[in-house]
Protein backbone atom coordinates (compact mmCIF):
# COMPACT_ATOMS: atom_id res chain seq x y z
CA MET A 1 201.19 85.43 112.73
CA ALA A 2 199.58 84.00 109.59
CA ILE A 3 196.10 84.13 111.45
CA SER A 4 196.48 87.76 112.14
CA THR A 5 197.57 88.64 108.87
CA CYS A 6 194.60 86.85 107.10
CA SER A 7 192.27 88.71 109.60
CA LEU A 8 193.71 92.01 108.60
CA ILE A 9 193.48 91.28 105.05
CA LEU A 10 189.59 90.14 105.45
CA VAL A 11 188.96 93.25 107.32
CA GLY A 12 190.65 95.35 104.86
CA ILE A 13 188.53 93.81 102.02
CA PHE A 14 184.89 93.75 103.66
CA VAL A 15 184.73 96.70 106.03
CA PRO A 16 184.90 99.26 103.03
CA TYR A 17 182.02 97.34 101.60
CA LEU A 18 179.89 97.46 104.97
CA PRO A 19 178.67 101.11 104.49
CA ILE A 20 177.89 100.35 100.57
CA TYR A 21 175.79 97.23 101.74
CA ALA A 22 173.97 99.17 104.57
CA GLN A 23 173.24 102.08 102.09
CA VAL A 24 172.06 99.64 99.38
CA GLN A 25 169.84 97.74 101.98
CA SER A 26 168.17 101.05 103.16
CA GLN A 27 167.56 102.22 99.75
CA SER A 28 165.92 98.92 98.99
CA GLN A 29 163.77 99.19 102.08
CA ARG A 30 162.97 102.66 101.03
CA THR A 31 161.92 101.50 97.63
CA ILE A 32 159.90 98.70 99.07
CA LEU A 33 158.32 101.26 101.41
CA SER A 34 157.60 103.81 98.59
CA ASP A 35 156.19 101.00 96.18
CA LEU A 36 153.97 100.03 99.25
CA ASP A 37 152.69 103.54 99.80
CA THR A 38 152.07 104.01 96.16
CA LYS A 39 149.84 101.07 95.92
CA ILE A 40 148.00 101.93 99.07
CA ASN A 41 147.22 105.43 97.52
CA GLU A 42 146.16 103.75 94.31
CA VAL A 43 143.75 101.53 96.16
CA GLU A 44 142.25 104.54 97.87
CA VAL A 45 141.95 106.41 94.76
CA GLN A 46 139.98 103.58 93.24
CA MET A 47 137.77 103.10 96.20
CA ASN A 48 136.87 106.86 96.08
CA ALA A 49 136.15 106.84 92.30
CA LEU A 50 133.79 103.71 93.14
CA HIS A 51 132.18 105.59 95.74
CA LEU A 52 131.65 108.53 93.73
CA GLN A 53 130.29 106.43 91.00
CA ARG A 54 127.95 104.59 93.06
CA PRO A 55 126.40 107.10 95.82
CA GLU A 56 123.41 104.81 96.60
CA THR A 57 125.76 102.18 98.03
CA ALA A 58 126.84 104.76 100.62
CA GLU A 59 123.28 105.77 101.33
CA THR A 60 122.32 102.08 101.76
CA THR A 61 125.15 101.46 104.06
CA TYR A 62 124.19 104.28 106.00
CA GLU A 63 120.53 103.26 106.29
CA ILE A 64 121.63 99.90 107.38
CA SER A 65 123.96 100.89 109.93
CA HIS A 66 121.66 103.52 111.37
CA ASN A 67 118.62 101.27 111.22
CA ASN A 68 117.57 100.81 114.76
CA GLY A 69 114.80 98.28 113.90
CA HIS A 70 111.89 100.90 113.27
CA ALA A 71 112.10 100.86 109.41
CA PRO A 72 111.11 97.65 107.74
CA PRO A 73 113.44 95.96 105.19
CA HIS A 74 113.22 97.14 101.40
CA HIS A 75 111.19 94.24 100.34
CA HIS A 76 108.81 94.06 103.10
CA LYS A 77 108.41 97.97 102.72
CA ARG A 78 107.23 97.12 99.22
CA HIS A 79 104.63 94.70 100.31
CA LEU A 80 103.35 97.11 103.12
CA GLN A 81 103.15 100.04 100.40
CA ASN A 82 101.12 97.63 98.35
CA VAL A 83 98.86 96.60 101.32
CA TYR A 84 98.22 100.38 102.16
CA GLY A 85 97.39 101.28 98.46
CA ILE A 86 94.90 98.54 98.18
CA LEU A 87 93.09 99.30 101.38
CA VAL A 88 92.68 102.88 100.63
CA LEU A 89 91.83 102.11 97.03
CA LEU A 90 89.15 99.46 97.96
CA GLY A 91 87.84 101.28 100.94
CA TRP A 92 87.54 105.02 99.84
CA GLY A 93 88.11 104.78 96.11
CA ILE A 94 85.62 101.96 95.30
CA LEU A 95 83.25 101.41 98.21
CA LEU A 96 82.33 104.77 98.91
CA PRO A 97 81.69 105.75 95.37
CA ILE A 98 79.42 102.48 95.31
CA GLY A 99 77.47 103.74 98.25
CA VAL A 100 76.90 107.09 96.60
CA VAL A 101 75.60 105.34 93.46
CA ILE A 102 73.19 103.38 95.55
CA ALA A 103 71.70 106.48 97.49
CA ARG A 104 71.25 108.36 94.27
CA TYR A 105 69.90 105.89 91.93
CA CYS A 106 67.95 103.18 94.00
CA ARG A 107 65.98 105.47 96.12
CA THR A 108 63.20 106.61 93.80
CA TYR A 109 64.68 107.39 90.22
CA PRO A 110 65.28 105.40 88.04
CA LEU A 111 65.21 102.49 90.54
CA LYS A 112 63.23 101.88 93.40
CA PHE A 113 64.69 99.66 96.01
CA ASN A 114 63.33 99.74 99.57
CA GLU A 115 66.66 98.58 101.28
CA TRP A 116 68.67 101.11 99.73
CA TYR A 117 69.49 103.01 102.89
CA TYR A 118 70.93 100.04 104.61
CA CYS A 119 72.95 98.92 101.43
CA HIS A 120 74.24 102.49 101.46
CA ILE A 121 75.21 102.69 105.14
CA MET A 122 76.88 99.32 104.89
CA CYS A 123 78.88 100.44 101.86
CA GLN A 124 80.00 103.54 103.60
CA ILE A 125 80.81 102.03 106.94
CA LEU A 126 82.92 99.18 105.41
CA GLY A 127 84.65 101.49 103.01
CA TYR A 128 85.27 103.99 105.89
CA ILE A 129 86.89 101.21 108.11
CA LEU A 130 89.04 99.82 105.13
CA GLY A 131 90.06 103.32 104.07
CA LEU A 132 90.97 104.29 107.78
CA LEU A 133 92.99 101.27 108.17
CA GLY A 134 94.94 102.05 105.13
CA TRP A 135 95.31 105.54 106.06
CA SER A 136 96.64 104.81 109.53
CA PHE A 137 98.88 101.93 107.85
CA GLY A 138 100.48 104.60 105.45
CA LEU A 139 100.87 107.15 108.10
CA TRP A 140 102.78 104.68 110.34
CA LEU A 141 104.85 103.60 107.03
CA GLU A 142 105.57 107.14 106.27
CA LYS A 143 106.79 107.71 109.99
CA SER A 144 109.00 104.55 110.07
CA SER A 145 110.69 104.71 106.88
CA LYS A 146 110.94 108.67 106.93
CA GLU A 147 110.28 108.90 103.14
CA PHE A 148 109.53 112.13 101.54
CA VAL A 149 105.88 112.46 100.76
CA PRO A 150 104.92 115.03 98.13
CA LYS A 151 103.07 117.94 99.64
CA THR A 152 100.14 117.70 97.32
CA GLN A 153 99.55 113.95 98.18
CA HIS A 154 99.98 114.78 101.97
CA THR A 155 97.35 117.58 101.60
CA LEU A 156 94.96 115.69 99.73
CA SER A 157 95.10 112.94 102.32
CA ILE A 158 94.65 115.17 105.28
CA ILE A 159 91.63 116.67 103.74
CA ALA A 160 90.10 113.52 102.54
CA PHE A 161 90.45 112.14 106.21
CA ILE A 162 88.98 115.31 107.76
CA PHE A 163 86.08 115.44 105.29
CA ILE A 164 85.10 111.75 105.55
CA ASN A 165 85.12 111.78 109.36
CA ILE A 166 82.81 114.70 109.26
CA GLN A 167 80.73 112.67 106.86
CA MET A 168 80.54 109.66 109.18
CA LEU A 169 79.95 111.86 112.17
CA SER A 170 76.85 113.63 110.39
CA ILE A 171 75.20 110.34 110.07
CA CYS A 172 74.85 110.18 113.80
CA ILE A 173 73.15 113.65 113.96
CA ARG A 174 70.79 112.82 110.95
CA PRO A 175 67.60 114.74 111.61
CA ASN A 176 63.98 113.51 111.08
CA LYS A 177 61.93 114.18 108.11
CA GLU A 178 59.83 116.57 109.88
CA ALA A 179 62.83 118.68 111.28
CA GLY A 180 62.91 122.09 109.59
CA TYR A 181 66.64 121.64 108.91
CA CYS A 182 66.30 118.42 107.41
CA LYS A 183 66.50 119.81 103.85
CA CYS A 184 69.67 121.87 104.78
CA TRP A 185 71.36 118.68 106.08
CA ASN A 186 70.61 116.73 102.96
CA ILE A 187 72.25 119.36 100.73
CA CYS A 188 75.34 119.47 102.89
CA HIS A 189 75.49 115.69 103.09
CA HIS A 190 75.26 115.45 99.27
CA VAL A 191 77.78 118.45 98.37
CA LEU A 192 80.28 116.97 101.02
CA GLY A 193 79.77 113.47 99.63
CA TYR A 194 80.38 114.47 96.18
CA ALA A 195 83.54 116.55 97.15
CA ILE A 196 84.93 113.58 99.26
CA ILE A 197 84.75 111.47 96.11
CA GLY A 198 86.54 113.92 93.70
CA ILE A 199 89.20 114.54 96.59
CA VAL A 200 89.90 110.65 97.20
CA VAL A 201 90.16 109.90 93.56
CA ALA A 202 92.79 112.72 93.10
CA ASP A 203 94.61 111.55 96.14
CA ILE A 204 94.73 107.83 94.92
CA PHE A 205 95.96 108.97 91.60
CA GLU A 206 98.56 111.17 93.09
CA GLY A 207 99.63 108.42 95.21
CA LEU A 208 100.06 105.74 92.39
CA ASN A 209 102.11 108.39 90.56
CA ASN A 210 104.43 108.57 93.21
CA ASN A 211 106.58 105.59 91.91
CA GLN A 212 105.26 102.92 94.23
CA SER A 213 105.77 99.19 93.41
CA HIS A 214 103.07 97.81 90.89
CA ALA A 215 101.69 101.28 90.62
CA GLU A 216 101.04 100.90 87.03
CA LYS A 217 98.89 97.81 87.47
CA LEU A 218 96.96 99.35 90.36
CA LYS A 219 96.48 102.57 88.24
CA TRP A 220 95.16 100.87 85.25
CA GLY A 221 92.98 98.77 87.35
CA TYR A 222 91.45 101.73 89.36
CA VAL A 223 90.76 103.30 85.89
CA GLY A 224 89.02 100.27 84.72
CA VAL A 225 86.79 100.39 87.94
CA LEU A 226 86.14 103.91 87.41
CA GLY A 227 85.08 103.20 83.66
CA VAL A 228 82.63 100.45 84.99
CA LEU A 229 81.14 102.87 87.43
CA ALA A 230 80.96 105.65 84.60
CA LEU A 231 79.13 103.31 82.35
CA ILE A 232 76.80 102.62 85.05
CA VAL A 233 76.19 105.99 86.15
CA VAL A 234 75.82 108.03 82.91
CA PRO A 235 72.76 106.18 81.36
CA MET A 236 71.15 106.06 84.84
CA GLU A 237 71.79 109.75 85.49
CA ILE A 238 70.27 110.44 82.14
CA PHE A 239 67.20 108.26 82.88
CA ARG A 240 66.76 109.99 86.29
CA CYS A 241 66.77 113.25 84.86
CA LYS A 242 64.04 112.38 82.26
CA SER A 243 62.09 110.64 84.95
CA MET A 244 62.30 113.64 87.10
CA ILE A 245 61.30 115.96 84.27
CA MET A 246 58.37 113.80 83.36
CA HIS A 247 57.25 113.57 86.98
CA LEU A 248 57.48 117.34 87.44
CA SER A 249 55.53 117.89 84.29
CA LEU A 250 52.70 115.66 85.08
CA HIS A 251 52.47 117.09 88.80
CA PHE A 252 52.39 120.58 87.29
CA THR A 253 49.52 119.70 84.77
CA ARG A 254 47.46 117.97 87.51
CA SER A 255 47.74 121.02 89.91
CA LYS A 256 46.96 123.32 86.98
CA PHE A 257 43.91 121.46 86.21
CA THR A 258 42.89 121.07 89.73
CA ASN A 259 43.21 124.89 90.62
CA SER A 260 41.61 126.10 87.38
CA PRO A 261 38.02 127.47 87.86
CA GLU A 262 35.06 125.26 86.74
CA ILE A 263 33.51 126.04 83.37
CA SER A 264 29.83 126.70 83.82
């Protein structure tokens, strides 16, 4: 009887508090879940803000995840760009102009060098091969990395490539001196050669201005090379013009006295 009475007393005391305890426990769980959801939302907001502040991170992640092994890594790509630029600069930008200088100033005026033709052909062929390797290398690099190339540089590169190939093929059909169209061939060969030099120089400077690695050093180095060539070409051109004028005047004087009637 005493045990049943105590049981009734305990039930009467604790049973009214069970719904209150359950309600408190439910509210605490809701509070915990609400706090957790708030923290998750704060983390998402911070991540979104970081993503908006650094869009290049997403771009890099996209490039890495979508790179199927065709494009080289960034540091390798810089080295490849340097190799491409140096080959084109050395082959088409230096050796081709040197070959033109040899052909113009070592044939007769102001210097007479009997082996000028072989030196001219050697510079042109070596420069053509190096430039062609660099041009092909740059084309592969452009296709593999899918970088945007300015339209001006792209157009100049294609025009230079076409003109240089035409010039090299024209050497194979060079006529003899006795042929009637030899003079016309020489004029076309000279005009196309000078046009190639101008287009190649413009293409090189356009490429160096395209934010390449070490572009500033290569640019000023190439400016120095062109300056040295200019210091050689300008005085030789002046001397050549004077020599040709003197030779023509002397030839005209001799022909005048030869064709004049004898004085009786």
